[in-house]
Amino acid sequence: MELLLVAIVLFLAIFAIKISSKSGVPALLLFIVLGMAFSAAGFEFEDYQFADNFATIALMVILFQGGFSTNWSMAKPVAKEAIVLSFLGVVATALLTGVFCRYFLGFGWIEGMLIGSIVGSTDYASVSNILRSRNLNLRYNTAPLLELESGSNDPSAYTMTMVFLSILLGDNISIPLMIVKQLVFGIGLGFFMSHIMMKLIRKMSFDSDGLFIIFMVAASLLTFSATAAIGGNGYLAVYIFGIVIGNKQFKGKRDSVFFFDGFSNLMQIGLFFILGLLSQPSRFIATLPMAAAIMIFMTIIARPLSVFGLMLPFKLKTNQLLVISMAGLRGAAAIAFAIMAVNAGAGRVTDIYHVVFGICVLSSLVQGSLMAPFSTKTDMLDPNDTVLKTFNDYQDKSELGFIQTPISSHSRWVGKQVKELNLAFNVIVAKIDRDGKTIVPRGDTVIEEGDIIVLGGETHFDASGHDLVEFTISEGHEWANRLVKDLDLQTDELIIMLQRTDQGVIVPIGNTEVLPGDKLVTIKGS
């Protein structure tokens, strides 16, 4: 009977995704509604401990996938803004919400701050789902900013939740020490484990089908659990681990991308369904006015104040700040933290779970549904490109790749129409960047000096992991400060390209000087 129920839920979830793509209603909200419908139909489920355990695993998978699919080259230009929002933004939003709960809803100080902390972060699953399903390619690199912020701010909310939960329960702990351990161990082990696991990936052979997937799952679990065991923030560690691993190339990555994308979707369906199933319609309705008041305050006051205030030094455009404010969706992480608080004994005075649950449902319904039209209204959509390029798995799943080349004054392409280029290979001019604007190329489009031409074609991946080698020139390397023509290269060895921080990708010639810090790609015959 249980297996039949699972099968029915999964089939209904697939139909919910189809409905979402046509209606614009976030799919994750439909999963919650599906769970609520089963609860209203008489399927009783009140196992908060099971829900807590499942939510922990699901969030770990979702955050790892969030990091794994983050295209760091796209996110790096807005990393400072995203990190400020993911840490200080959570703190500001949580504190403002806590004050509102205290003075306008009659909560105690600590209880109000606890609720503010629980709902302080934006939800990666909800944000990425809306960006992808509605293909919201936002101007000014806003999509990767939101992606990085929403993926990295759950650990901040978790730490704040732990702090105020400990105070509320009267635990005898050092709050400053807890915060330091959460951050230091979370960040440290995230980078350390990614370094160790990449070394193992490079050295070990995973010949059996599916063995590499098992290795990646084990590595993620080890990173999360080891960090949590010593008092660090496991969510932060596994997210960093995912970012570092996801932005490397290695044999078996393509299979991993497909697996974790599907596995993450499965965990999201299960998590949101269980959260809906855990709710009781009568209690949900009873706490809805309070949840609505908090959600409205966060949407029109707390989130915008935090965004506009913290982003002031970065001089972002007003319409960009408005969309970032609107994108503050609350979701699975908040409800999971609410379950954790209930299991710890913090729900004796207020029905924390249903208050937070109501906030997340309303946030997903209102903000999630309005994101697309709001982005259009504020002139933030770029219709000539796709948001999918901000996600690693877009290119990792696809057999298409993109390269760019600047057009200098000496280029033979200057003054020519696209149809006159006579490209000899199976490639296409995908787009032209001109003075910060995107030009959709047509046959009669004329190439100008200073254009950046983006070419699309079939990608090549070195399945052996040995033919194409990428490495960075250190200060004492034997090739440092020497010309390419003077290097002792073997007859079957070639430097294909090098990447320099201030110049980008360089196709080397004999007189090209190799400098410390250059990243080289070489090929060697077998």
Protein backbone atom coordinates (compact mmCIF):
# COMPACT_ATOMS: atom_id res chain seq x y z
CA MET A 1 0.00 0.00 0.00
CA GLU A 2 2.83 2.37 0.90
CA LEU A 3 4.59 1.72 -2.42
CA LEU A 4 1.36 2.33 -4.29
CA LEU A 5 1.00 5.68 -2.50
CA VAL A 6 4.57 6.65 -3.41
CA ALA A 7 3.98 5.77 -7.06
CA ILE A 8 0.75 7.80 -7.16
CA VAL A 9 2.44 10.81 -5.54
CA LEU A 10 5.33 10.73 -8.02
CA PHE A 11 2.98 10.54 -11.00
CA LEU A 12 0.91 13.42 -9.61
CA ALA A 13 4.11 15.40 -9.02
CA ILE A 14 5.07 15.01 -12.69
CA PHE A 15 1.65 16.36 -13.72
CA ALA A 16 2.17 19.22 -11.23
CA ILE A 17 5.40 20.15 -13.00
CA LYS A 18 3.55 20.25 -16.33
CA ILE A 19 0.81 22.42 -14.82
CA SER A 20 3.47 24.72 -13.35
CA SER A 21 5.18 25.26 -16.70
CA LYS A 22 1.89 26.35 -18.28
CA SER A 23 0.33 28.33 -15.42
CA GLY A 24 3.38 30.01 -13.91
CA VAL A 25 2.54 28.71 -10.42
CA PRO A 26 5.74 27.38 -8.79
CA ALA A 27 5.91 23.58 -9.02
CA LEU A 28 7.19 23.30 -5.45
CA LEU A 29 4.03 25.00 -4.19
CA LEU A 30 1.97 22.41 -6.04
CA PHE A 31 3.92 19.64 -4.27
CA ILE A 32 2.98 21.22 -0.92
CA VAL A 33 -0.66 21.52 -1.97
CA LEU A 34 -0.55 17.87 -3.01
CA GLY A 35 0.61 16.90 0.48
CA MET A 36 -2.05 19.10 2.06
CA ALA A 37 -4.71 17.44 -0.11
CA PHE A 38 -3.65 14.00 1.08
CA SER A 39 -3.72 15.27 4.68
CA ALA A 40 -7.22 16.70 4.20
CA ALA A 41 -8.31 13.37 2.64
CA GLY A 42 -7.50 11.57 5.88
CA PHE A 43 -3.88 10.46 5.49
CA GLU A 44 -2.64 11.20 8.99
CA PHE A 45 1.06 11.94 9.45
CA GLU A 46 2.46 13.56 12.60
CA ASP A 47 5.94 12.07 12.76
CA TYR A 48 7.99 15.24 13.20
CA GLN A 49 11.15 13.22 13.91
CA PHE A 50 10.96 11.37 10.59
CA ALA A 51 10.18 14.65 8.83
CA ASP A 52 13.21 16.24 10.52
CA ASN A 53 15.53 13.44 9.42
CA PHE A 54 14.20 13.44 5.87
CA ALA A 55 14.40 17.24 5.66
CA THR A 56 18.04 17.16 6.81
CA ILE A 57 19.01 14.70 4.08
CA ALA A 58 16.90 16.46 1.46
CA LEU A 59 18.39 19.88 2.25
CA MET A 60 21.87 18.40 2.11
CA VAL A 61 21.17 17.00 -1.36
CA ILE A 62 19.50 20.22 -2.55
CA LEU A 63 22.37 22.41 -1.30
CA PHE A 64 25.02 20.10 -2.76
CA GLN A 65 23.21 20.16 -6.10
CA GLY A 66 22.91 23.94 -5.78
CA GLY A 67 26.66 24.26 -5.40
CA PHE A 68 27.38 21.55 -7.97
CA SER A 69 25.31 23.33 -10.63
CA THR A 70 26.64 26.83 -9.84
CA ASN A 71 28.66 28.21 -12.73
CA TRP A 72 31.37 30.03 -10.80
CA SER A 73 32.58 31.97 -13.84
CA MET A 74 29.11 33.52 -14.06
CA ALA A 75 28.72 33.97 -10.29
CA LYS A 76 32.19 35.37 -9.55
CA PRO A 77 31.49 38.94 -10.78
CA VAL A 78 28.59 39.23 -8.32
CA ALA A 79 30.06 37.06 -5.55
CA LYS A 80 30.64 39.98 -3.15
CA GLU A 81 27.05 41.16 -3.40
CA ALA A 82 25.70 37.62 -3.07
CA ILE A 83 27.86 36.79 -0.04
CA VAL A 84 26.88 40.03 1.72
CA LEU A 85 23.21 39.19 1.18
CA SER A 86 23.65 35.56 2.18
CA PHE A 87 25.15 36.48 5.55
CA LEU A 88 24.30 40.05 6.55
CA GLY A 89 21.06 39.95 4.55
CA VAL A 90 19.81 36.99 6.56
CA VAL A 91 20.80 38.67 9.83
CA ALA A 92 19.08 41.95 8.90
CA THR A 93 15.92 40.26 7.61
CA ALA A 94 15.72 37.99 10.67
CA LEU A 95 16.19 40.82 13.17
CA LEU A 96 13.65 43.10 11.47
CA THR A 97 11.13 40.25 11.35
CA GLY A 98 11.82 39.45 15.01
CA VAL A 99 11.11 43.06 16.01
CA PHE A 100 7.86 42.96 14.01
CA CYS A 101 6.80 39.72 15.74
CA ARG A 102 7.56 41.25 19.13
CA TYR A 103 5.82 44.61 18.80
CA PHE A 104 2.99 43.88 16.35
CA LEU A 105 2.11 40.24 17.02
CA GLY A 106 2.85 39.97 20.73
CA PHE A 107 5.62 37.35 20.61
CA GLY A 108 8.29 37.23 23.28
CA TRP A 109 11.64 38.70 22.24
CA ILE A 110 13.49 35.40 21.87
CA GLU A 111 10.55 33.59 20.29
CA GLY A 112 10.10 36.42 17.78
CA MET A 113 13.80 36.35 16.91
CA LEU A 114 13.62 32.57 16.55
CA ILE A 115 10.82 32.83 13.99
CA GLY A 116 12.70 35.62 12.20
CA SER A 117 15.80 33.41 12.05
CA ILE A 118 13.88 30.38 10.79
CA VAL A 119 12.43 32.33 7.86
CA GLY A 120 15.48 34.58 7.37
CA SER A 121 16.91 32.85 4.30
CA THR A 122 15.65 32.64 0.75
CA ASP A 123 15.03 29.15 -0.60
CA TYR A 124 17.38 27.84 -3.29
CA ALA A 125 14.97 25.17 -4.54
CA SER A 126 12.19 27.74 -5.04
CA VAL A 127 14.39 30.44 -6.58
CA SER A 128 16.22 28.13 -9.01
CA ASN A 129 12.94 26.40 -9.92
CA ILE A 130 11.37 29.72 -10.93
CA LEU A 131 14.48 30.97 -12.76
CA ARG A 132 14.69 27.75 -14.78
CA SER A 133 11.01 27.02 -15.40
CA ARG A 134 10.21 30.59 -16.46
CA ASN A 135 13.65 31.11 -18.10
CA LEU A 136 14.07 34.42 -16.31
CA ASN A 137 17.30 35.68 -17.82
CA LEU A 138 17.71 38.82 -15.72
CA ARG A 139 19.89 41.76 -16.71
CA TYR A 140 23.05 42.87 -14.90
CA ASN A 141 24.07 39.31 -13.92
CA THR A 142 21.17 39.20 -11.45
CA ALA A 143 20.29 35.53 -11.99
CA PRO A 144 23.68 34.19 -10.82
CA LEU A 145 23.56 36.66 -7.91
CA LEU A 146 20.20 35.23 -6.79
CA GLU A 147 21.39 31.70 -7.41
CA LEU A 148 24.52 32.16 -5.28
CA GLU A 149 22.69 34.06 -2.54
CA SER A 150 19.83 31.59 -2.20
CA GLY A 151 22.21 28.63 -2.28
CA SER A 152 24.53 29.98 0.39
CA ASN A 153 22.21 31.72 2.86
CA ASP A 154 20.53 28.67 4.43
CA PRO A 155 23.62 28.04 6.60
CA SER A 156 23.31 31.57 8.02
CA ALA A 157 19.65 31.02 8.91
CA TYR A 158 20.53 27.64 10.42
CA THR A 159 23.22 29.18 12.64
CA MET A 160 20.88 31.96 13.81
CA THR A 161 18.13 29.41 14.46
CA MET A 162 20.52 27.34 16.58
CA VAL A 163 21.57 30.43 18.54
CA PHE A 164 18.07 31.64 19.45
CA LEU A 165 16.80 28.10 19.95
CA SER A 166 19.60 27.51 22.48
CA ILE A 167 18.75 30.76 24.27
CA LEU A 168 15.03 29.93 24.32
CA LEU A 169 15.65 26.46 25.74
CA GLY A 170 18.16 27.75 28.29
CA ASP A 171 21.07 25.68 27.04
CA ASN A 172 24.34 26.43 28.79
CA ILE A 173 26.56 27.07 25.77
CA SER A 174 28.89 29.78 24.52
CA ILE A 175 27.03 31.56 21.72
CA PRO A 176 30.16 33.24 20.23
CA LEU A 177 32.00 29.89 20.24
CA MET A 178 29.05 28.19 18.52
CA ILE A 179 29.00 30.81 15.77
CA VAL A 180 32.76 30.62 15.22
CA LYS A 181 32.70 26.81 15.06
CA GLN A 182 29.76 26.84 12.64
CA LEU A 183 31.55 29.18 10.24
CA VAL A 184 35.18 28.08 10.59
CA PHE A 185 34.54 24.34 10.47
CA GLY A 186 31.85 24.73 7.80
CA ILE A 187 34.04 26.76 5.44
CA GLY A 188 37.27 24.92 6.30
CA LEU A 189 35.95 21.38 5.87
CA GLY A 190 34.04 22.35 2.72
CA PHE A 191 37.28 23.35 0.99
CA PHE A 192 39.38 20.63 2.63
CA MET A 193 37.03 17.80 1.63
CA SER A 194 36.72 19.09 -1.93
CA HIS A 195 40.53 19.16 -2.20
CA ILE A 196 40.88 15.60 -0.86
CA MET A 197 38.05 14.21 -2.98
CA MET A 198 39.40 15.80 -6.17
CA LYS A 199 42.75 14.12 -5.54
CA LEU A 200 40.98 10.78 -5.11
CA ILE A 201 38.92 11.36 -8.27
CA ARG A 202 42.09 12.06 -10.25
CA LYS A 203 43.92 8.99 -8.93
CA MET A 204 41.25 6.33 -8.54
CA SER A 205 39.68 4.31 -11.33
CA PHE A 206 35.89 3.89 -11.24
CA ASP A 207 35.41 1.27 -13.93
CA SER A 208 32.15 -0.25 -12.66
CA ASP A 209 28.98 1.37 -13.92
CA GLY A 210 27.48 3.59 -11.25
CA LEU A 211 30.46 3.28 -8.90
CA PHE A 212 31.47 6.90 -9.36
CA ILE A 213 27.95 8.04 -8.43
CA ILE A 214 28.20 6.07 -5.19
CA PHE A 215 31.55 7.72 -4.51
CA MET A 216 30.07 11.20 -4.98
CA VAL A 217 27.10 10.44 -2.72
CA ALA A 218 29.44 9.06 -0.04
CA ALA A 219 31.73 12.10 -0.34
CA SER A 220 28.79 14.47 0.12
CA LEU A 221 27.46 12.56 3.13
CA LEU A 222 30.94 12.43 4.67
CA THR A 223 31.46 16.16 4.19
CA PHE A 224 28.12 17.02 5.78
CA SER A 225 28.22 14.55 8.67
CA ALA A 226 31.89 15.08 9.57
CA THR A 227 31.38 18.84 9.71
CA ALA A 228 28.23 18.55 11.82
CA ALA A 229 29.93 16.05 14.17
CA ILE A 230 32.56 18.60 15.24
CA GLY A 231 30.08 21.45 15.61
CA GLY A 232 30.48 22.99 12.16
CA ASN A 233 27.77 24.00 9.72
CA GLY A 234 27.26 20.93 7.56
CA TYR A 235 25.00 22.78 5.11
CA LEU A 236 27.69 25.38 4.47
CA ALA A 237 30.38 22.71 4.06
CA VAL A 238 28.41 20.60 1.56
CA TYR A 239 27.47 23.70 -0.46
CA ILE A 240 31.11 24.80 -0.75
CA PHE A 241 32.07 21.21 -1.54
CA GLY A 242 29.50 21.20 -4.35
CA ILE A 243 30.73 24.49 -5.83
CA VAL A 244 34.38 23.43 -5.92
CA ILE A 245 33.69 19.94 -7.32
CA GLY A 246 31.07 21.21 -9.78
CA ASN A 247 33.48 23.67 -11.38
CA LYS A 248 36.11 21.02 -12.10
CA GLN A 249 36.24 18.72 -15.09
CA PHE A 250 36.72 14.99 -14.52
CA LYS A 251 35.76 11.64 -15.92
CA GLY A 252 32.23 10.68 -14.87
CA LYS A 253 31.03 14.24 -14.25
CA ARG A 254 28.39 14.10 -16.98
CA ASP A 255 26.77 11.05 -15.38
CA SER A 256 26.92 12.77 -11.98
CA VAL A 257 25.13 15.81 -13.34
CA PHE A 258 22.22 13.73 -14.60
CA PHE A 259 22.04 11.70 -11.39
CA PHE A 260 22.14 14.60 -8.92
CA ASP A 261 19.73 16.67 -10.97
CA GLY A 262 17.18 13.84 -10.92
CA PHE A 263 17.95 12.91 -7.31
CA SER A 264 17.59 16.53 -6.20
CA ASN A 265 14.23 16.80 -7.97
CA LEU A 266 13.09 13.59 -6.28
CA MET A 267 14.14 14.88 -2.85
CA GLN A 268 12.36 18.19 -3.48
CA ILE A 269 9.15 16.38 -4.42
CA GLY A 270 9.38 14.15 -1.35
CA LEU A 271 10.29 16.99 0.99
CA PHE A 272 7.58 19.41 -0.08
CA PHE A 273 4.99 16.63 -0.15
CA ILE A 274 5.89 15.51 3.39
CA LEU A 275 5.82 19.11 4.62
CA GLY A 276 2.33 19.51 3.18
CA LEU A 277 1.26 16.14 4.58
CA LEU A 278 2.53 17.12 8.03
CA SER A 279 0.29 20.17 8.12
CA GLN A 280 -3.21 20.03 9.56
CA PRO A 281 -5.82 22.08 7.66
CA SER A 282 -7.51 23.42 10.81
CA ARG A 283 -4.24 24.60 12.36
CA PHE A 284 -3.02 25.97 9.04
CA ILE A 285 -6.17 28.10 8.71
CA ALA A 286 -5.99 29.20 12.36
CA THR A 287 -2.41 30.49 12.01
CA LEU A 288 -2.85 31.87 8.48
CA PRO A 289 -3.61 35.52 9.53
CA MET A 290 -0.41 35.61 11.60
CA ALA A 291 1.59 33.98 8.80
CA ALA A 292 0.15 36.41 6.25
CA ALA A 293 1.09 39.42 8.41
CA ILE A 294 4.69 38.22 8.73
CA MET A 295 4.96 37.33 5.04
CA ILE A 296 3.62 40.75 3.94
CA PHE A 297 6.00 42.54 6.31
CA MET A 298 8.98 40.55 5.03
CA THR A 299 8.03 41.11 1.39
CA ILE A 300 7.40 44.86 1.45
CA ILE A 301 9.60 46.01 4.36
CA ALA A 302 12.18 43.59 5.81
CA ARG A 303 13.60 42.14 2.59
CA PRO A 304 13.64 45.44 0.61
CA LEU A 305 15.19 47.34 3.54
CA SER A 306 17.91 44.70 3.87
CA VAL A 307 18.59 44.58 0.12
CA PHE A 308 18.60 48.33 -0.52
CA GLY A 309 20.62 49.06 2.62
CA LEU A 310 23.28 46.38 2.19
CA MET A 311 23.65 46.89 -1.57
CA LEU A 312 24.16 50.67 -1.24
CA PRO A 313 27.97 50.42 -1.50
CA PHE A 314 27.69 48.33 -4.68
CA LYS A 315 25.59 50.94 -6.54
CA LEU A 316 23.18 48.47 -8.14
CA LYS A 317 20.37 49.79 -10.31
CA THR A 318 16.98 50.44 -8.71
CA ASN A 319 15.06 47.97 -10.90
CA GLN A 320 17.69 45.33 -10.13
CA LEU A 321 17.27 45.91 -6.38
CA LEU A 322 13.49 45.67 -6.72
CA VAL A 323 13.73 42.27 -8.43
CA ILE A 324 16.25 41.01 -5.86
CA SER A 325 13.82 42.09 -3.14
CA MET A 326 10.93 40.30 -4.83
CA ALA A 327 13.03 37.12 -5.15
CA GLY A 328 13.17 36.60 -1.37
CA LEU A 329 11.08 33.42 -1.46
CA ARG A 330 10.80 31.33 1.70
CA GLY A 331 10.58 27.57 1.34
CA ALA A 332 11.81 24.16 2.37
CA ALA A 333 14.76 25.26 4.52
CA ALA A 334 12.54 27.48 6.70
CA ILE A 335 9.97 24.72 7.23
CA ALA A 336 12.74 22.21 7.96
CA PHE A 337 14.23 24.53 10.58
CA ALA A 338 10.74 24.96 12.06
CA ILE A 339 10.47 21.16 12.40
CA MET A 340 13.84 21.13 14.12
CA ALA A 341 12.60 23.79 16.56
CA VAL A 342 9.41 21.83 17.29
CA ASN A 343 11.38 18.65 17.98
CA ALA A 344 13.63 20.60 20.34
CA GLY A 345 10.58 21.70 22.33
CA ALA A 346 10.22 25.29 21.12
CA GLY A 347 6.63 25.00 19.91
CA ARG A 348 4.92 24.92 23.28
CA VAL A 349 3.64 28.52 23.20
CA THR A 350 3.14 29.16 19.47
CA ASP A 351 2.44 26.69 16.71
CA ILE A 352 5.78 27.52 15.07
CA TYR A 353 5.47 24.87 12.38
CA HIS A 354 2.15 26.06 10.96
CA VAL A 355 3.12 29.75 11.23
CA VAL A 356 6.30 29.13 9.23
CA PHE A 357 4.49 26.75 6.91
CA GLY A 358 1.90 29.43 6.14
CA ILE A 359 4.62 32.03 5.49
CA CYS A 360 6.32 29.73 2.99
CA VAL A 361 3.11 28.76 1.20
CA LEU A 362 2.06 32.40 0.81
CA SER A 363 5.58 33.47 -0.20
CA SER A 364 5.77 30.80 -2.88
CA LEU A 365 2.27 31.61 -4.14
CA VAL A 366 2.57 35.40 -4.22
CA GLN A 367 6.25 36.10 -4.85
CA GLY A 368 6.80 33.01 -6.98
CA SER A 369 3.86 33.78 -9.24
CA LEU A 370 4.75 37.47 -9.54
CA MET A 371 8.47 37.04 -10.29
CA ALA A 372 8.05 36.74 -14.08
CA PRO A 373 5.57 39.62 -14.61
CA PHE A 374 7.40 41.79 -12.05
CA SER A 375 10.71 41.23 -13.86
CA THR A 376 9.06 42.20 -17.14
CA LYS A 377 7.41 45.27 -15.61
CA THR A 378 10.72 46.52 -14.19
CA ASP A 379 12.51 45.96 -17.53
CA MET A 380 14.85 43.36 -16.04
CA LEU A 381 14.39 40.58 -18.59
CA ASP A 382 16.90 40.00 -21.38
CA PRO A 383 14.91 38.12 -24.04
CA ASN A 384 17.95 37.50 -26.24
CA ASP A 385 19.69 35.05 -23.93
CA THR A 386 18.93 32.19 -21.56
CA VAL A 387 19.25 31.97 -17.79
CA LEU A 388 20.30 28.32 -18.12
CA LYS A 389 23.86 29.40 -18.91
CA THR A 390 24.25 30.39 -15.24
CA PHE A 391 23.91 26.73 -14.26
CA ASN A 392 26.79 24.28 -14.80
CA ASP A 393 24.49 21.41 -15.63
CA TYR A 394 23.16 23.28 -18.69
CA GLN A 395 26.45 22.75 -20.51
CA ASP A 396 27.41 19.55 -18.66
CA LYS A 397 24.20 17.86 -19.86
CA SER A 398 24.37 19.32 -23.32
CA GLU A 399 26.77 18.28 -26.01
CA LEU A 400 26.86 21.89 -27.17
CA GLY A 401 29.45 24.35 -25.95
CA PHE A 402 30.19 28.03 -26.44
CA ILE A 403 33.42 29.98 -26.91
CA GLN A 404 33.98 33.68 -27.33
CA THR A 405 36.56 35.68 -29.26
CA PRO A 406 37.08 39.47 -29.38
CA ILE A 407 37.26 41.14 -32.78
CA SER A 408 40.37 43.34 -33.04
CA SER A 409 40.99 46.06 -35.62
CA HIS A 410 43.21 43.65 -37.58
CA SER A 411 40.63 40.88 -37.76
CA ARG A 412 39.58 39.73 -41.24
CA TRP A 413 35.99 39.60 -39.96
CA VAL A 414 35.67 43.38 -39.43
CA GLY A 415 33.10 44.82 -41.85
CA LYS A 416 31.85 41.43 -43.00
CA GLN A 417 28.29 40.17 -42.72
CA VAL A 418 27.67 36.99 -40.75
CA LYS A 419 26.64 35.15 -43.93
CA GLU A 420 30.01 36.04 -45.50
CA LEU A 421 32.14 34.43 -42.79
CA ASN A 422 32.21 31.05 -44.56
CA LEU A 423 32.75 29.12 -41.35
CA ALA A 424 34.51 25.90 -42.33
CA PHE A 425 33.50 23.89 -39.31
CA ASN A 426 30.19 22.82 -37.80
CA VAL A 427 29.84 25.96 -35.67
CA ILE A 428 27.41 28.88 -35.62
CA VAL A 429 27.59 32.51 -34.51
CA ALA A 430 25.34 32.27 -31.45
CA LYS A 431 25.40 35.93 -30.40
CA ILE A 432 27.38 39.16 -30.59
CA ASP A 433 28.19 41.30 -27.55
CA ARG A 434 28.58 44.94 -28.60
CA ASP A 435 29.11 47.79 -26.12
CA GLY A 436 27.45 45.80 -23.33
CA LYS A 437 24.42 44.92 -25.44
CA THR A 438 23.46 41.58 -26.95
CA ILE A 439 23.00 41.46 -30.72
CA VAL A 440 21.02 38.55 -32.14
CA PRO A 441 23.00 37.68 -35.30
CA ARG A 442 21.27 37.52 -38.66
CA GLY A 443 22.75 36.84 -42.06
CA ASP A 444 23.10 40.57 -42.83
CA THR A 445 24.50 41.53 -39.39
CA VAL A 446 27.84 43.35 -39.89
CA ILE A 447 30.78 42.49 -37.62
CA GLU A 448 32.41 45.55 -36.04
CA GLU A 449 35.70 46.18 -34.31
CA GLY A 450 35.40 45.56 -30.56
CA ASP A 451 32.60 43.00 -30.94
CA ILE A 452 32.78 39.83 -28.87
CA ILE A 453 31.61 36.94 -31.04
CA VAL A 454 30.16 33.89 -29.29
CA LEU A 455 30.43 30.70 -31.32
CA GLY A 456 28.39 27.58 -30.59
CA GLY A 457 29.19 24.02 -31.55
CA GLU A 458 29.67 20.48 -30.36
CA THR A 459 31.91 20.16 -27.31
CA HIS A 460 34.73 17.72 -26.77
CA PHE A 461 35.38 16.05 -23.44
CA ASP A 462 38.52 14.05 -22.80
CA ALA A 463 37.00 10.88 -21.36
CA SER A 464 40.39 9.46 -20.44
CA GLY A 465 41.31 12.48 -18.37
CA HIS A 466 44.91 12.28 -19.64
CA ASP A 467 45.08 13.81 -23.14
CA LEU A 468 44.04 17.36 -22.19
CA VAL A 469 45.85 18.57 -19.09
CA GLU A 470 45.13 21.83 -17.24
CA PHE A 471 47.56 23.26 -14.69
CA THR A 472 48.67 26.60 -13.24
CA ILE A 473 52.21 27.95 -13.57
CA SER A 474 53.67 28.54 -10.10
CA GLU A 475 56.33 31.11 -9.25
CA GLY A 476 59.16 28.58 -9.36
CA HIS A 477 57.94 26.53 -12.33
CA GLU A 478 60.57 25.80 -15.00
CA TRP A 479 58.33 27.37 -17.68
CA ALA A 480 57.75 30.62 -15.77
CA ASN A 481 58.89 33.81 -17.56
CA ARG A 482 59.96 31.93 -20.70
CA LEU A 483 58.77 32.14 -24.30
CA VAL A 484 56.74 29.25 -25.69
CA LYS A 485 59.30 28.66 -28.46
CA ASP A 486 62.04 28.22 -25.85
CA LEU A 487 60.22 25.53 -23.84
CA ASP A 488 61.46 21.95 -23.93
CA LEU A 489 58.26 20.46 -25.30
CA GLN A 490 58.18 16.93 -26.65
CA THR A 491 57.41 16.45 -30.33
CA ASP A 492 53.89 15.17 -29.55
CA GLU A 493 53.12 17.86 -26.93
CA LEU A 494 51.41 21.21 -27.58
CA ILE A 495 50.23 24.16 -25.49
CA ILE A 496 46.69 24.75 -26.75
CA MET A 497 45.80 27.86 -24.79
CA LEU A 498 46.53 29.78 -21.64
CA GLN A 499 44.32 31.87 -19.41
CA ARG A 500 45.63 35.02 -17.77
CA THR A 501 43.66 36.86 -15.09
CA ASP A 502 43.83 40.31 -16.68
CA GLN A 503 43.68 39.21 -20.35
CA GLY A 504 41.39 36.20 -20.43
CA VAL A 505 42.09 33.32 -22.83
CA ILE A 506 45.18 33.63 -25.06
CA VAL A 507 45.99 31.41 -28.03
CA PRO A 508 49.79 31.16 -27.68
CA ILE A 509 52.35 31.63 -30.44
CA GLY A 510 56.10 31.16 -30.32
CA ASN A 511 56.76 34.63 -28.84
CA THR A 512 54.11 34.33 -26.12
CA GLU A 513 55.69 34.61 -22.67
CA VAL A 514 54.46 32.22 -19.98
CA LEU A 515 53.97 34.04 -16.68
CA PRO A 516 53.47 32.83 -13.10
CA GLY A 517 49.74 32.48 -12.42
CA ASP A 518 48.93 31.55 -16.02
CA LYS A 519 46.59 28.56 -16.40
CA LEU A 520 47.76 26.35 -19.27
CA VAL A 521 45.96 23.63 -21.23
CA THR A 522 48.25 21.17 -22.98
CA ILE A 523 47.68 18.12 -25.15
CA LYS A 524 49.98 15.14 -25.47
CA GLY A 525 49.76 12.28 -27.93
CA SER A 526 49.27 8.74 -26.68
